[in-house]
Amino acid sequence: MKHLWRLLPFSFILLLAGCGVENLSALDPQGPVADMQLSLIQLSLYIMILVIVVVFAVYLFVLIKFRERPGDTHIPKQVHGNRTLEFIWTTIPILLLLMLAVPNVMDTFTLAETSIPEADEDGVEPVPGEDYVTIRATAHQFWWEFEYPELEINAGQEMYIPTDTRIIVELEASDVIHSFWIPALVGKQDNVPGITNDLWFEAPEEGVFFGKCTEICGPSHWLMDFKVIAVDQSTFTTWADTMAAPPAEFTEPQGEVAVEGRQIFEANCIACHAIGDEGGAVGPNFTNYADREVVAGFLEHTDENLREWIRDPQSLKPGNEMPAFDESTLSEEELDSLIEYIDTLQILE
């Protein structure tokens, strides 16, 4: 019993093996690109395991067979310069490297193909939003902006996509180097200021997939999350049409308090947070803010968390660009009205 503490590290590893979030693992791929990338990881892993097993087997064989024995002073047969052995230990690594290189090169060319699909045999051109979607993902400290240039949409923090559709993503950064990664759908690639990288992926099934920034980009790097929401084509079309031109019933506040909240929003917030195509883009677009499940990319979406975020964003997400609105700027009553208005900014049921 006194040595049971030695098992604690293994218990801890088993405990961690049960941790995790659905759709946040490259080991549980949910699309063709992630499948391809996991296959390459597995191929590399299997080859490395084979090499380790063979090397250790040969090492143990030599260690036991040629160990020193009492009274045995003869020198074993020397094999230096043996052409057969030289041929074997030169050829096998070359074959293993070819096994690794050929699929890697083939998949690299496949993954690098990010052009818009061509017209079909009848000359019908692909339709953006239906046959493919182009999204410009710009990383900021510490949030994500998703522009759909062909659909005239600007969204923040959540990337809506249709299922079974080729998604082409152009990666950019506005300040420092970030890195875009959706573990269950596509491997990571850097967002570099002044350079546009691109990638593509598809999501065959509906679901919410979690994205992360994987480049240390500042004090709140670890809070720079986003979501990819895959929906059926009909829902995506509704979302896209509404985001591009929000009907009045989605943007006009209902009730006296919400009307006052909108006035407060226009006086204090709209210079940074646009609604539709009106407003700035210093912070995330607010057209569908109430549809989001989180505040500031990581807090549970509750009025209390939104209130705390508006009052003191630096204490929750250090280094971000959001200014604080203390009681000298917004009274409690004004903040209540503002939150009531923001809660109405919803375009999906």
Foldseek 3Di string as FASTA:
>chain_A
DVCCVVCVVVVVVVVVVPDDDPQQALCQAQFDASVLVVVLVVLVVVLVVVVVVVVVVVVVVCCVVVPDDPPDDDDDDDCPPPPVVVCVVVVVVVVSVCSNPPSVVVVVVVFQPQDQDQADPVRHGDDDLPQEWEWEWEQEVAWIWIAGVVLQFIFTQEAEHEAPHKYKYKAAYDDAKWWKQQSNWHGIDIHHHPDIDMGITGRNDFDKTKMATPDPDDDQRRLRIGIYGYDHSVVSVLVSVCRQPPDCQQQPDDDDLLNLLVVVCVVPPQCCEPANPGGHPVDGHLLAVLVDQADPRHHGDDLVVVVVCQQCVCVVGNPRPRDHQHCVRPNPSNSVSNSSNSNSNHRDD
